[in-house]
Amino acid sequence: MRSKYLEPTLKYDAELCTGCGMCSTVCPHGVFAQNDGTAQLVRPADCMECGACALNCPVSAITVDSGTGCATAQMIAALRRTKEPTCDCGCC
């Protein structure tokens, strides 16, 4: 179960980036930052694979298997202070 979160599915193609900044705006964990007119992956290990960045990228420079890292599970684990994230719905 835990290995799902250790193998991120986030992929970013900097060649396609237009520097619109949407990825850094919508990411709740600051995985992306704008630098010199393009996005850069600054904290890829913090990606919870919610898919917001990919959904809002106008040029499809970002892909991620959203749902692989369940955001709900991450939040519940943080609130319960448990090491194994689970949302109790069966997805993880």
Foldseek 3Di string as FASTA:
>chain_A
DCVLLVDWQKAFAQVQFQLPCQLCVPDPQRQWDGDPSGIDGDDVSPDLQQCRNQVPRPRNRIDGPHLSRDPCQVVVCVVVVHDDGDNPPPSD
